[in-house]
Amino acid sequence: KSSPREPITAKLVANLLTTAGANRVVTMDLHADQIQGFFDIPVD
């Protein structure tokens, strides 16, 4: 959130993938490294 009342959509996408049933995510060069922490499943 860089200003008030903004979403953190990268976290929302992480929730959607996990809830849908993904067991692991393998991605490359995230815009921000901390996005890995948005997941409660392994991220490579």
Full PDB file with SEQRES, HELIX, SHEET, SSBOND, CRYST1, ORIGX, SCALE, CONECT and MASTER records, all heavy atoms in Angstrom:
SEQRES   1 A   44  LYS SER SER PRO ARG GLU PRO ILE THR ALA LYS LEU VAL          
SEQRES   2 A   44  ALA ASN LEU LEU THR THR ALA GLY ALA ASN ARG VAL VAL          
SEQRES   3 A   44  THR MET ASP LEU HIS ALA ASP GLN ILE GLN GLY PHE PHE          
SEQRES   4 A   44  ASP ILE PRO VAL ASP                                          
HELIX    1 AA1 THR A    9  ALA A   20  1                                  12    
HELIX    2 AA2 ASP A   33  PHE A   38  5                                   6    
CRYST1    1.000    1.000    1.000  90.00  90.00  90.00 P 1           1          
ORIGX1      1.000000  0.000000  0.000000        0.00000                         
ORIGX2      0.000000  1.000000  0.000000        0.00000                         
ORIGX3      0.000000  0.000000  1.000000        0.00000                         
SCALE1      1.000000  0.000000  0.000000        0.00000                         
SCALE2      0.000000  1.000000  0.000000        0.00000                         
SCALE3      0.000000  0.000000  1.000000        0.00000                         
ATOM      1  N   LYS A   1       0.854  -1.180   0.000  1.00  0.00           N  
ATOM      2  CA  LYS A   1       0.000   0.000   0.000  1.00  0.00           C  
ATOM      3  C   LYS A   1       0.891   1.232   0.000  1.00  0.00           C  
ATOM      4  O   LYS A   1       1.575   1.509   0.991  1.00  0.00           O  
ATOM      5  CB  LYS A   1      -0.908   0.006   1.229  1.00  0.00           C  
ATOM      6  CG  LYS A   1      -2.049  -0.994   1.170  1.00  0.00           C  
ATOM      7  CD  LYS A   1      -2.981  -0.860   2.361  1.00  0.00           C  
ATOM      8  CE  LYS A   1      -3.722   0.463   2.324  1.00  0.00           C  
ATOM      9  NZ  LYS A   1      -4.758   0.541   3.397  1.00  0.00           N  
ATOM     10  N   SER A   2       0.890   1.970  -1.101  1.00  0.00           N  
ATOM     11  CA  SER A   2       1.685   3.194  -1.172  1.00  0.00           C  
ATOM     12  C   SER A   2       0.842   4.429  -0.887  1.00  0.00           C  
ATOM     13  O   SER A   2       1.379   5.532  -0.733  1.00  0.00           O  
ATOM     14  CB  SER A   2       2.349   3.323  -2.545  1.00  0.00           C  
ATOM     15  OG  SER A   2       1.385   3.286  -3.574  1.00  0.00           O  
ATOM     16  N   SER A   3      -0.471   4.269  -0.836  1.00  0.00           N  
ATOM     17  CA  SER A   3      -1.371   5.354  -0.464  1.00  0.00           C  
ATOM     18  C   SER A   3      -2.624   4.729   0.159  1.00  0.00           C  
ATOM     19  O   SER A   3      -2.864   3.527   0.012  1.00  0.00           O  
ATOM     20  CB  SER A   3      -1.730   6.206  -1.689  1.00  0.00           C  
ATOM     21  OG  SER A   3      -2.406   5.437  -2.668  1.00  0.00           O  
ATOM     22  N   PRO A   4      -3.426   5.528   0.861  1.00  0.00           N  
ATOM     23  CA  PRO A   4      -4.594   4.957   1.575  1.00  0.00           C  
ATOM     24  C   PRO A   4      -5.593   4.292   0.628  1.00  0.00           C  
ATOM     25  O   PRO A   4      -5.738   4.670  -0.522  1.00  0.00           O  
ATOM     26  CB  PRO A   4      -5.215   6.185   2.247  1.00  0.00           C  
ATOM     27  CG  PRO A   4      -4.117   7.188   2.341  1.00  0.00           C  
ATOM     28  CD  PRO A   4      -3.250   6.963   1.134  1.00  0.00           C  
ATOM     29  N   ARG A   5      -6.263   3.270   1.166  1.00  0.00           N  
ATOM     30  CA  ARG A   5      -7.379   2.586   0.490  1.00  0.00           C  
ATOM     31  C   ARG A   5      -6.972   1.899  -0.803  1.00  0.00           C  
ATOM     32  O   ARG A   5      -7.766   1.795  -1.739  1.00  0.00           O  
ATOM     33  CB  ARG A   5      -8.546   3.578   0.252  1.00  0.00           C  
ATOM     34  CG  ARG A   5      -9.167   4.112   1.548  1.00  0.00           C  
ATOM     35  CD  ARG A   5     -10.165   5.218   1.308  1.00  0.00           C  
ATOM     36  NE  ARG A   5      -9.554   6.414   0.728  1.00  0.00           N  
ATOM     37  CZ  ARG A   5      -8.868   7.307   1.427  1.00  0.00           C  
ATOM     38  NH1 ARG A   5      -8.688   7.147   2.730  1.00  0.00           N  
ATOM     39  NH2 ARG A   5      -8.360   8.360   0.828  1.00  0.00           N  
ATOM     40  N   GLU A   6      -5.747   1.429  -0.861  1.00  0.00           N  
ATOM     41  CA  GLU A   6      -5.268   0.652  -2.006  1.00  0.00           C  
ATOM     42  C   GLU A   6      -5.289  -0.838  -1.671  1.00  0.00           C  
ATOM     43  O   GLU A   6      -5.123  -1.225  -0.509  1.00  0.00           O  
ATOM     44  CB  GLU A   6      -3.825   1.038  -2.378  1.00  0.00           C  
ATOM     45  CG  GLU A   6      -3.713   2.310  -3.179  1.00  0.00           C  
ATOM     46  CD  GLU A   6      -2.299   2.521  -3.690  1.00  0.00           C  
ATOM     47  OE1 GLU A   6      -1.368   1.894  -3.138  1.00  0.00           O  
ATOM     48  OE2 GLU A   6      -2.123   3.304  -4.626  1.00  0.00           O  
ATOM     49  N   PRO A   7      -5.485  -1.701  -2.671  1.00  0.00           N  
ATOM     50  CA  PRO A   7      -5.409  -3.151  -2.423  1.00  0.00           C  
ATOM     51  C   PRO A   7      -3.968  -3.642  -2.464  1.00  0.00           C  
ATOM     52  O   PRO A   7      -3.075  -2.954  -2.983  1.00  0.00           O  
ATOM     53  CB  PRO A   7      -6.198  -3.732  -3.603  1.00  0.00           C  
ATOM     54  CG  PRO A   7      -5.894  -2.772  -4.720  1.00  0.00           C  
ATOM     55  CD  PRO A   7      -5.817  -1.407  -4.079  1.00  0.00           C  
ATOM     56  N   ILE A   8      -3.737  -4.803  -1.910  1.00  0.00           N  
ATOM     57  CA  ILE A   8      -2.458  -5.498  -2.095  1.00  0.00           C  
ATOM     58  C   ILE A   8      -2.785  -6.731  -2.935  1.00  0.00           C  
ATOM     59  O   ILE A   8      -2.976  -7.840  -2.437  1.00  0.00           O  
ATOM     60  CB  ILE A   8      -1.803  -5.862  -0.751  1.00  0.00           C  
ATOM     61  CG1 ILE A   8      -1.633  -4.609   0.110  1.00  0.00           C  
ATOM     62  CG2 ILE A   8      -0.443  -6.529  -0.979  1.00  0.00           C  
ATOM     63  CD1 ILE A   8      -1.012  -4.864   1.471  1.00  0.00           C  
ATOM     64  N   THR A   9      -2.879  -6.523  -4.231  1.00  0.00           N  
ATOM     65  CA  THR A   9      -3.433  -7.536  -5.125  1.00  0.00           C  
ATOM     66  C   THR A   9      -2.503  -8.725  -5.297  1.00  0.00           C  
ATOM     67  O   THR A   9      -2.965  -9.845  -5.559  1.00  0.00           O  
ATOM     68  CB  THR A   9      -3.761  -6.909  -6.494  1.00  0.00           C  
ATOM     69  OG1 THR A   9      -4.383  -5.640  -6.289  1.00  0.00           O  
ATOM     70  CG2 THR A   9      -4.707  -7.795  -7.282  1.00  0.00           C  
ATOM     71  N   ALA A  10      -1.194  -8.515  -5.147  1.00  0.00           N  
ATOM     72  CA  ALA A  10      -0.264  -9.642  -5.228  1.00  0.00           C  
ATOM     73  C   ALA A  10      -0.552 -10.664  -4.135  1.00  0.00           C  
ATOM     74  O   ALA A  10      -0.419 -11.875  -4.348  1.00  0.00           O  
ATOM     75  CB  ALA A  10       1.181  -9.149  -5.129  1.00  0.00           C  
ATOM     76  N   LYS A  11      -0.959 -10.195  -2.967  1.00  0.00           N  
ATOM     77  CA  LYS A  11      -1.348 -11.083  -1.873  1.00  0.00           C  
ATOM     78  C   LYS A  11      -2.669 -11.780  -2.188  1.00  0.00           C  
ATOM     79  O   LYS A  11      -2.846 -12.969  -1.907  1.00  0.00           O  
ATOM     80  CB  LYS A  11      -1.453 -10.274  -0.577  1.00  0.00           C  
ATOM     81  CG  LYS A  11      -2.122 -10.997   0.591  1.00  0.00           C  
ATOM     82  CD  LYS A  11      -1.374 -12.243   1.029  1.00  0.00           C  
ATOM     83  CE  LYS A  11      -2.019 -12.832   2.272  1.00  0.00           C  
ATOM     84  NZ  LYS A  11      -1.477 -14.166   2.599  1.00  0.00           N  
ATOM     85  N   LEU A  12      -3.605 -11.042  -2.776  1.00  0.00           N  
ATOM     86  CA  LEU A  12      -4.884 -11.637  -3.166  1.00  0.00           C  
ATOM     87  C   LEU A  12      -4.666 -12.782  -4.156  1.00  0.00           C  
ATOM     88  O   LEU A  12      -5.281 -13.848  -4.029  1.00  0.00           O  
ATOM     89  CB  LEU A  12      -5.793 -10.570  -3.786  1.00  0.00           C  
ATOM     90  CG  LEU A  12      -7.103 -11.059  -4.411  1.00  0.00           C  
ATOM     91  CD1 LEU A  12      -7.991 -11.718  -3.367  1.00  0.00           C  
ATOM     92  CD2 LEU A  12      -7.822  -9.909  -5.092  1.00  0.00           C  
ATOM     93  N   VAL A  13      -3.791 -12.588  -5.131  1.00  0.00           N  
ATOM     94  CA  VAL A  13      -3.505 -13.644  -6.108  1.00  0.00           C  
ATOM     95  C   VAL A  13      -2.891 -14.855  -5.413  1.00  0.00           C  
ATOM     96  O   VAL A  13      -3.219 -16.003  -5.723  1.00  0.00           O  
ATOM     97  CB  VAL A  13      -2.566 -13.115  -7.212  1.00  0.00           C  
ATOM     98  CG1 VAL A  13      -2.083 -14.257  -8.116  1.00  0.00           C  
ATOM     99  CG2 VAL A  13      -3.278 -12.065  -8.052  1.00  0.00           C  
ATOM    100  N   ALA A  14      -1.998 -14.616  -4.457  1.00  0.00           N  
ATOM    101  CA  ALA A  14      -1.409 -15.720  -3.700  1.00  0.00           C  
ATOM    102  C   ALA A  14      -2.491 -16.516  -2.968  1.00  0.00           C  
ATOM    103  O   ALA A  14      -2.482 -17.753  -2.954  1.00  0.00           O  
ATOM    104  CB  ALA A  14      -0.374 -15.189  -2.702  1.00  0.00           C  
ATOM    105  N   ASN A  15      -3.454 -15.808  -2.365  1.00  0.00           N  
ATOM    106  CA  ASN A  15      -4.556 -16.483  -1.676  1.00  0.00           C  
ATOM    107  C   ASN A  15      -5.395 -17.302  -2.653  1.00  0.00           C  
ATOM    108  O   ASN A  15      -5.826 -18.424  -2.344  1.00  0.00           O  
ATOM    109  CB  ASN A  15      -5.441 -15.453  -0.976  1.00  0.00           C  
ATOM    110  CG  ASN A  15      -4.775 -14.828   0.233  1.00  0.00           C  
ATOM    111  OD1 ASN A  15      -3.792 -15.340   0.743  1.00  0.00           O  
ATOM    112  ND2 ASN A  15      -5.310 -13.709   0.683  1.00  0.00           N  
ATOM    113  N   LEU A  16      -5.669 -16.733  -3.824  1.00  0.00           N  
ATOM    114  CA  LEU A  16      -6.482 -17.423  -4.815  1.00  0.00           C  
ATOM    115  C   LEU A  16      -5.814 -18.722  -5.270  1.00  0.00           C  
ATOM    116  O   LEU A  16      -6.463 -19.770  -5.376  1.00  0.00           O  
ATOM    117  CB  LEU A  16      -6.721 -16.512  -6.019  1.00  0.00           C  
ATOM    118  CG  LEU A  16      -7.664 -15.323  -5.803  1.00  0.00           C  
ATOM    119  CD1 LEU A  16      -7.607 -14.385  -7.008  1.00  0.00           C  
ATOM    120  CD2 LEU A  16      -9.087 -15.792  -5.560  1.00  0.00           C  
ATOM    121  N   LEU A  17      -4.514 -18.665  -5.554  1.00  0.00           N  
ATOM    122  CA  LEU A  17      -3.788 -19.851  -6.012  1.00  0.00           C  
ATOM    123  C   LEU A  17      -3.786 -20.934  -4.935  1.00  0.00           C  
ATOM    124  O   LEU A  17      -3.987 -22.124  -5.220  1.00  0.00           O  
ATOM    125  CB  LEU A  17      -2.355 -19.484  -6.394  1.00  0.00           C  
ATOM    126  CG  LEU A  17      -2.190 -18.618  -7.647  1.00  0.00           C  
ATOM    127  CD1 LEU A  17      -0.754 -18.119  -7.764  1.00  0.00           C  
ATOM    128  CD2 LEU A  17      -2.576 -19.394  -8.903  1.00  0.00           C  
ATOM    129  N   THR A  18      -3.571 -20.526  -3.696  1.00  0.00           N  
ATOM    130  CA  THR A  18      -3.527 -21.489  -2.588  1.00  0.00           C  
ATOM    131  C   THR A  18      -4.893 -22.105  -2.339  1.00  0.00           C  
ATOM    132  O   THR A  18      -5.033 -23.327  -2.184  1.00  0.00           O  
ATOM    133  CB  THR A  18      -3.007 -20.811  -1.312  1.00  0.00           C  
ATOM    134  OG1 THR A  18      -1.739 -20.192  -1.575  1.00  0.00           O  
ATOM    135  CG2 THR A  18      -2.843 -21.818  -0.191  1.00  0.00           C  
ATOM    136  N   THR A  19      -5.921 -21.275  -2.316  1.00  0.00           N  
ATOM    137  CA  THR A  19      -7.281 -21.764  -2.069  1.00  0.00           C  
ATOM    138  C   THR A  19      -7.754 -22.683  -3.190  1.00  0.00           C  
ATOM    139  O   THR A  19      -8.458 -23.675  -2.953  1.00  0.00           O  
ATOM    140  CB  THR A  19      -8.247 -20.582  -1.904  1.00  0.00           C  
ATOM    141  OG1 THR A  19      -7.799 -19.760  -0.824  1.00  0.00           O  
ATOM    142  CG2 THR A  19      -9.656 -21.064  -1.622  1.00  0.00           C  
ATOM    143  N   ALA A  20      -7.349 -22.378  -4.417  1.00  0.00           N  
ATOM    144  CA  ALA A  20      -7.739 -23.220  -5.553  1.00  0.00           C  
ATOM    145  C   ALA A  20      -7.176 -24.627  -5.430  1.00  0.00           C  
ATOM    146  O   ALA A  20      -7.770 -25.585  -5.929  1.00  0.00           O  
ATOM    147  CB  ALA A  20      -7.282 -22.586  -6.863  1.00  0.00           C  
ATOM    148  N   GLY A  21      -5.992 -24.752  -4.772  1.00  0.00           N  
ATOM    149  CA  GLY A  21      -5.440 -26.089  -4.559  1.00  0.00           C  
ATOM    150  C   GLY A  21      -3.991 -26.270  -4.947  1.00  0.00           C  
ATOM    151  O   GLY A  21      -3.487 -27.403  -4.941  1.00  0.00           O  
ATOM    152  N   ALA A  22      -3.279 -25.193  -5.274  1.00  0.00           N  
ATOM    153  CA  ALA A  22      -1.861 -25.318  -5.619  1.00  0.00           C  
ATOM    154  C   ALA A  22      -1.063 -25.762  -4.393  1.00  0.00           C  
ATOM    155  O   ALA A  22      -1.297 -25.281  -3.282  1.00  0.00           O  
ATOM    156  CB  ALA A  22      -1.321 -23.992  -6.144  1.00  0.00           C  
ATOM    157  N   ASN A  23      -0.129 -26.689  -4.604  1.00  0.00           N  
ATOM    158  CA  ASN A  23       0.746 -27.156  -3.522  1.00  0.00           C  
ATOM    159  C   ASN A  23       2.116 -26.484  -3.536  1.00  0.00           C  
ATOM    160  O   ASN A  23       2.835 -26.486  -2.530  1.00  0.00           O  
ATOM    161  CB  ASN A  23       0.959 -28.664  -3.629  1.00  0.00           C  
ATOM    162  CG  ASN A  23      -0.328 -29.440  -3.553  1.00  0.00           C  
ATOM    163  OD1 ASN A  23      -0.761 -30.067  -4.524  1.00  0.00           O  
ATOM    164  ND2 ASN A  23      -0.995 -29.399  -2.393  1.00  0.00           N  
ATOM    165  N   ARG A  24       2.492 -25.928  -4.672  1.00  0.00           N  
ATOM    166  CA  ARG A  24       3.794 -25.278  -4.817  1.00  0.00           C  
ATOM    167  C   ARG A  24       3.709 -24.283  -5.972  1.00  0.00           C  
ATOM    168  O   ARG A  24       2.993 -24.512  -6.954  1.00  0.00           O  
ATOM    169  CB  ARG A  24       4.892 -26.305  -5.095  1.00  0.00           C  
ATOM    170  CG  ARG A  24       6.271 -25.704  -5.389  1.00  0.00           C  
ATOM    171  CD  ARG A  24       7.260 -26.788  -5.825  1.00  0.00           C  
ATOM    172  NE  ARG A  24       7.481 -27.760  -4.776  1.00  0.00           N  
ATOM    173  CZ  ARG A  24       8.418 -27.652  -3.839  1.00  0.00           C  
ATOM    174  NH1 ARG A  24       9.226 -26.607  -3.833  1.00  0.00           N  
ATOM    175  NH2 ARG A  24       8.547 -28.576  -2.925  1.00  0.00           N  
ATOM    176  N   VAL A  25       4.446 -23.187  -5.845  1.00  0.00           N  
ATOM    177  CA  VAL A  25       4.551 -22.204  -6.924  1.00  0.00           C  
ATOM    178  C   VAL A  25       6.014 -22.056  -7.303  1.00  0.00           C  
ATOM    179  O   VAL A  25       6.885 -21.937  -6.438  1.00  0.00           O  
ATOM    180  CB  VAL A  25       3.966 -20.833  -6.499  1.00  0.00           C  
ATOM    181  CG1 VAL A  25       4.346 -19.747  -7.497  1.00  0.00           C  
ATOM    182  CG2 VAL A  25       2.459 -20.919  -6.367  1.00  0.00           C  
ATOM    183  N   VAL A  26       6.275 -22.111  -8.606  1.00  0.00           N  
ATOM    184  CA  VAL A  26       7.623 -21.860  -9.132  1.00  0.00           C  
ATOM    185  C   VAL A  26       7.516 -20.637 -10.031  1.00  0.00           C  
ATOM    186  O   VAL A  26       6.802 -20.656 -11.037  1.00  0.00           O  
ATOM    187  CB  VAL A  26       8.156 -23.062  -9.944  1.00  0.00           C  
ATOM    188  CG1 VAL A  26       9.592 -22.806 -10.393  1.00  0.00           C  
ATOM    189  CG2 VAL A  26       8.075 -24.349  -9.130  1.00  0.00           C  
ATOM    190  N   THR A  27       8.185 -19.577  -9.666  1.00  0.00           N  
ATOM    191  CA  THR A  27       8.098 -18.346 -10.428  1.00  0.00           C  
ATOM    192  C   THR A  27       9.494 -17.798 -10.683  1.00  0.00           C  
ATOM    193  O   THR A  27      10.486 -18.379 -10.249  1.00  0.00           O  
ATOM    194  CB  THR A  27       7.208 -17.318  -9.696  1.00  0.00           C  
ATOM    195  OG1 THR A  27       6.979 -16.193 -10.537  1.00  0.00           O  
ATOM    196  CG2 THR A  27       7.841 -16.873  -8.390  1.00  0.00           C  
ATOM    197  N   MET A  28       9.574 -16.663 -11.382  1.00  0.00           N  
ATOM    198  CA  MET A  28      10.877 -16.119 -11.758  1.00  0.00           C  
ATOM    199  C   MET A  28      10.872 -14.600 -11.644  1.00  0.00           C  
ATOM    200  O   MET A  28       9.961 -13.937 -12.134  1.00  0.00           O  
ATOM    201  CB  MET A  28      11.229 -16.534 -13.194  1.00  0.00           C  
ATOM    202  CG  MET A  28      12.621 -16.099 -13.635  1.00  0.00           C  
ATOM    203  SD  MET A  28      12.998 -16.611 -15.335  1.00  0.00           S  
ATOM    204  CE  MET A  28      12.088 -15.363 -16.245  1.00  0.00           C  
ATOM    205  N   ASP A  29      11.886 -14.077 -10.997  1.00  0.00           N  
ATOM    206  CA  ASP A  29      12.128 -12.635 -10.913  1.00  0.00           C  
ATOM    207  C   ASP A  29      10.864 -11.847 -10.576  1.00  0.00           C  
ATOM    208  O   ASP A  29      10.358 -11.053 -11.372  1.00  0.00           O  
ATOM    209  CB  ASP A  29      12.748 -12.122 -12.222  1.00  0.00           C  
ATOM    210  CG  ASP A  29      14.196 -12.569 -12.371  1.00  0.00           C  
ATOM    211  OD1 ASP A  29      14.852 -12.804 -11.339  1.00  0.00           O  
ATOM    212  OD2 ASP A  29      14.669 -12.698 -13.501  1.00  0.00           O  
ATOM    213  N   LEU A  30      10.381 -12.082  -9.363  1.00  0.00           N  
ATOM    214  CA  LEU A  30       9.241 -11.325  -8.863  1.00  0.00           C  
ATOM    215  C   LEU A  30       9.581  -9.841  -8.782  1.00  0.00           C  
ATOM    216  O   LEU A  30      10.741  -9.474  -8.544  1.00  0.00           O  
ATOM    217  CB  LEU A  30       8.842 -11.829  -7.477  1.00  0.00           C  
ATOM    218  CG  LEU A  30       8.224 -13.221  -7.415  1.00  0.00           C  
ATOM    219  CD1 LEU A  30       8.189 -13.710  -5.971  1.00  0.00           C  
ATOM    220  CD2 LEU A  30       6.825 -13.216  -8.021  1.00  0.00           C  
ATOM    221  N   HIS A  31       8.599  -9.000  -8.974  1.00  0.00           N  
ATOM    222  CA  HIS A  31       8.814  -7.557  -8.886  1.00  0.00           C  
ATOM    223  C   HIS A  31       9.323  -7.175  -7.500  1.00  0.00           C  
ATOM    224  O   HIS A  31      10.090  -6.210  -7.368  1.00  0.00           O  
ATOM    225  CB  HIS A  31       7.520  -6.825  -9.214  1.00  0.00           C  
ATOM    226  CG  HIS A  31       7.663  -5.343  -9.258  1.00  0.00           C  
ATOM    227  ND1 HIS A  31       8.414  -4.699 -10.214  1.00  0.00           N  
ATOM    228  CD2 HIS A  31       7.150  -4.361  -8.465  1.00  0.00           C  
ATOM    229  CE1 HIS A  31       8.368  -3.392 -10.016  1.00  0.00           C  
ATOM    230  NE2 HIS A  31       7.602  -3.161  -8.954  1.00  0.00           N  
ATOM    231  N   ALA A  32       8.898  -7.905  -6.488  1.00  0.00           N  
ATOM    232  CA  ALA A  32       9.354  -7.678  -5.116  1.00  0.00           C  
ATOM    233  C   ALA A  32       9.531  -9.036  -4.439  1.00  0.00           C  
ATOM    234  O   ALA A  32       8.610  -9.854  -4.449  1.00  0.00           O  
ATOM    235  CB  ALA A  32       8.350  -6.821  -4.352  1.00  0.00           C  
ATOM    236  N   ASP A  33      10.697  -9.256  -3.847  1.00  0.00           N  
ATOM    237  CA  ASP A  33      10.999 -10.554  -3.251  1.00  0.00           C  
ATOM    238  C   ASP A  33      10.019 -10.944  -2.152  1.00  0.00           C  
ATOM    239  O   ASP A  33       9.771 -12.128  -1.920  1.00  0.00           O  
ATOM    240  CB  ASP A  33      12.420 -10.554  -2.681  1.00  0.00           C  
ATOM    241  CG  ASP A  33      13.488 -10.563  -3.765  1.00  0.00           C  
ATOM    242  OD1 ASP A  33      13.132 -10.783  -4.944  1.00  0.00           O  
ATOM    243  OD2 ASP A  33      14.670 -10.349  -3.440  1.00  0.00           O  
ATOM    244  N   GLN A  34       9.467  -9.937  -1.457  1.00  0.00           N  
ATOM    245  CA  GLN A  34       8.603 -10.255  -0.316  1.00  0.00           C  
ATOM    246  C   GLN A  34       7.304 -10.938  -0.714  1.00  0.00           C  
ATOM    247  O   GLN A  34       6.586 -11.461   0.147  1.00  0.00           O  
ATOM    248  CB  GLN A  34       8.283  -8.990   0.486  1.00  0.00           C  
ATOM    249  CG  GLN A  34       7.460  -7.945  -0.237  1.00  0.00           C  
ATOM    250  CD  GLN A  34       8.313  -6.855  -0.863  1.00  0.00           C  
ATOM    251  OE1 GLN A  34       9.469  -7.092  -1.199  1.00  0.00           O  
ATOM    252  NE2 GLN A  34       7.749  -5.670  -1.021  1.00  0.00           N  
ATOM    253  N   ILE A  35       6.994 -10.967  -2.004  1.00  0.00           N  
ATOM    254  CA  ILE A  35       5.781 -11.668  -2.456  1.00  0.00           C  
ATOM    255  C   ILE A  35       5.855 -13.144  -2.079  1.00  0.00           C  
ATOM    256  O   ILE A  35       4.824 -13.785  -1.849  1.00  0.00           O  
ATOM    257  CB  ILE A  35       5.594 -11.486  -3.975  1.00  0.00           C  
ATOM    258  CG1 ILE A  35       5.269 -10.015  -4.281  1.00  0.00           C  
ATOM    259  CG2 ILE A  35       4.479 -12.383  -4.515  1.00  0.00           C  
ATOM    260  CD1 ILE A  35       5.195  -9.691  -5.762  1.00  0.00           C  
ATOM    261  N   GLN A  36       7.060 -13.703  -1.973  1.00  0.00           N  
ATOM    262  CA  GLN A  36       7.194 -15.097  -1.543  1.00  0.00           C  
ATOM    263  C   GLN A  36       6.529 -15.313  -0.184  1.00  0.00           C  
ATOM    264  O   GLN A  36       5.984 -16.385   0.075  1.00  0.00           O  
ATOM    265  CB  GLN A  36       8.673 -15.473  -1.439  1.00  0.00           C  
ATOM    266  CG  GLN A  36       9.433 -15.392  -2.752  1.00  0.00           C  
ATOM    267  CD  GLN A  36      10.920 -15.575  -2.559  1.00  0.00           C  
ATOM    268  OE1 GLN A  36      11.416 -16.692  -2.398  1.00  0.00           O  
ATOM    269  NE2 GLN A  36      11.656 -14.484  -2.563  1.00  0.00           N  
ATOM    270  N   GLY A  37       6.581 -14.303   0.662  1.00  0.00           N  
ATOM    271  CA  GLY A  37       5.995 -14.406   1.998  1.00  0.00           C  
ATOM    272  C   GLY A  37       4.490 -14.311   2.016  1.00  0.00           C  
ATOM    273  O   GLY A  37       3.866 -14.532   3.061  1.00  0.00           O  
ATOM    274  N   PHE A  38       3.891 -13.992   0.869  1.00  0.00           N  
ATOM    275  CA  PHE A  38       2.432 -13.943   0.794  1.00  0.00           C  
ATOM    276  C   PHE A  38       1.830 -15.349   0.732  1.00  0.00           C  
ATOM    277  O   PHE A  38       0.616 -15.506   0.885  1.00  0.00           O  
ATOM    278  CB  PHE A  38       1.982 -13.167  -0.447  1.00  0.00           C  
ATOM    279  CG  PHE A  38       2.307 -11.692  -0.415  1.00  0.00           C  
ATOM    280  CD1 PHE A  38       2.129 -10.909  -1.544  1.00  0.00           C  
ATOM    281  CD2 PHE A  38       2.783 -11.085   0.739  1.00  0.00           C  
ATOM    282  CE1 PHE A  38       2.422  -9.550  -1.526  1.00  0.00           C  
ATOM    283  CE2 PHE A  38       3.083  -9.734   0.767  1.00  0.00           C  
ATOM    284  CZ  PHE A  38       2.904  -8.966  -0.372  1.00  0.00           C  
ATOM    285  N   PHE A  39       2.655 -16.345   0.482  1.00  0.00           N  
ATOM    286  CA  PHE A  39       2.189 -17.719   0.323  1.00  0.00           C  
ATOM    287  C   PHE A  39       2.439 -18.523   1.593  1.00  0.00           C  
ATOM    288  O   PHE A  39       3.449 -18.323   2.282  1.00  0.00           O  
ATOM    289  CB  PHE A  39       2.920 -18.409  -0.828  1.00  0.00           C  
ATOM    290  CG  PHE A  39       2.533 -17.934  -2.202  1.00  0.00           C  
ATOM    291  CD1 PHE A  39       3.185 -16.857  -2.787  1.00  0.00           C  
ATOM    292  CD2 PHE A  39       1.534 -18.568  -2.919  1.00  0.00           C  
ATOM    293  CE1 PHE A  39       2.844 -16.419  -4.055  1.00  0.00           C  
ATOM    294  CE2 PHE A  39       1.186 -18.145  -4.190  1.00  0.00           C  
ATOM    295  CZ  PHE A  39       1.840 -17.068  -4.756  1.00  0.00           C  
ATOM    296  N   ASP A  40       1.538 -19.457   1.871  1.00  0.00           N  
ATOM    297  CA  ASP A  40       1.738 -20.424   2.948  1.00  0.00           C  
ATOM    298  C   ASP A  40       2.087 -21.797   2.386  1.00  0.00           C  
ATOM    299  O   ASP A  40       1.985 -22.809   3.096  1.00  0.00           O  
ATOM    300  CB  ASP A  40       0.477 -20.518   3.824  1.00  0.00           C  
ATOM    301  CG  ASP A  40       0.240 -19.239   4.605  1.00  0.00           C  
ATOM    302  OD1 ASP A  40       1.238 -18.614   5.031  1.00  0.00           O  
ATOM    303  OD2 ASP A  40      -0.929 -18.847   4.775  1.00  0.00           O  
ATOM    304  N   ILE A  41       2.471 -21.841   1.116  1.00  0.00           N  
ATOM    305  CA  ILE A  41       2.951 -23.058   0.456  1.00  0.00           C  
ATOM    306  C   ILE A  41       4.361 -22.767  -0.067  1.00  0.00           C  
ATOM    307  O   ILE A  41       4.755 -21.601  -0.164  1.00  0.00           O  
ATOM    308  CB  ILE A  41       2.016 -23.487  -0.699  1.00  0.00           C  
ATOM    309  CG1 ILE A  41       1.880 -22.360  -1.728  1.00  0.00           C  
ATOM    310  CG2 ILE A  41       0.657 -23.908  -0.170  1.00  0.00           C  
ATOM    311  CD1 ILE A  41       1.062 -22.736  -2.960  1.00  0.00           C  
ATOM    312  N   PRO A  42       5.143 -23.797  -0.400  1.00  0.00           N  
ATOM    313  CA  PRO A  42       6.503 -23.540  -0.884  1.00  0.00           C  
ATOM    314  C   PRO A  42       6.513 -22.714  -2.169  1.00  0.00           C  
ATOM    315  O   PRO A  42       5.679 -22.905  -3.060  1.00  0.00           O  
ATOM    316  CB  PRO A  42       7.052 -24.952  -1.144  1.00  0.00           C  
ATOM    317  CG  PRO A  42       6.241 -25.844  -0.268  1.00  0.00           C  
ATOM    318  CD  PRO A  42       4.879 -25.243  -0.219  1.00  0.00           C  
ATOM    319  N   VAL A  43       7.454 -21.776  -2.247  1.00  0.00           N  
ATOM    320  CA  VAL A  43       7.660 -20.962  -3.440  1.00  0.00           C  
ATOM    321  C   VAL A  43       9.134 -21.058  -3.848  1.00  0.00           C  
ATOM    322  O   VAL A  43      10.021 -20.773  -3.039  1.00  0.00           O  
ATOM    323  CB  VAL A  43       7.298 -19.482  -3.190  1.00  0.00           C  
ATOM    324  CG1 VAL A  43       7.615 -18.638  -4.424  1.00  0.00           C  
ATOM    325  CG2 VAL A  43       5.836 -19.334  -2.809  1.00  0.00           C  
ATOM    326  N   ASP A  44       9.373 -21.488  -5.068  1.00  0.00           N  
ATOM    327  CA  ASP A  44      10.725 -21.501  -5.618  1.00  0.00           C  
ATOM    328  C   ASP A  44      10.862 -20.291  -6.527  1.00  0.00           C  
ATOM    329  O   ASP A  44      10.163 -20.172  -7.534  1.00  0.00           O  
ATOM    330  CB  ASP A  44      10.987 -22.789  -6.405  1.00  0.00           C  
ATOM    331  CG  ASP A  44      11.085 -23.996  -5.493  1.00  0.00           C  
ATOM    332  OD1 ASP A  44      11.918 -23.972  -4.575  1.00  0.00           O  
ATOM    333  OD2 ASP A  44      10.316 -24.961  -5.684  1.00  0.00           O  
TER     334      ASP A  44                                                      
MASTER        0    0    0    2    0    0    0    6  333    1    0    4          
END                                                                             
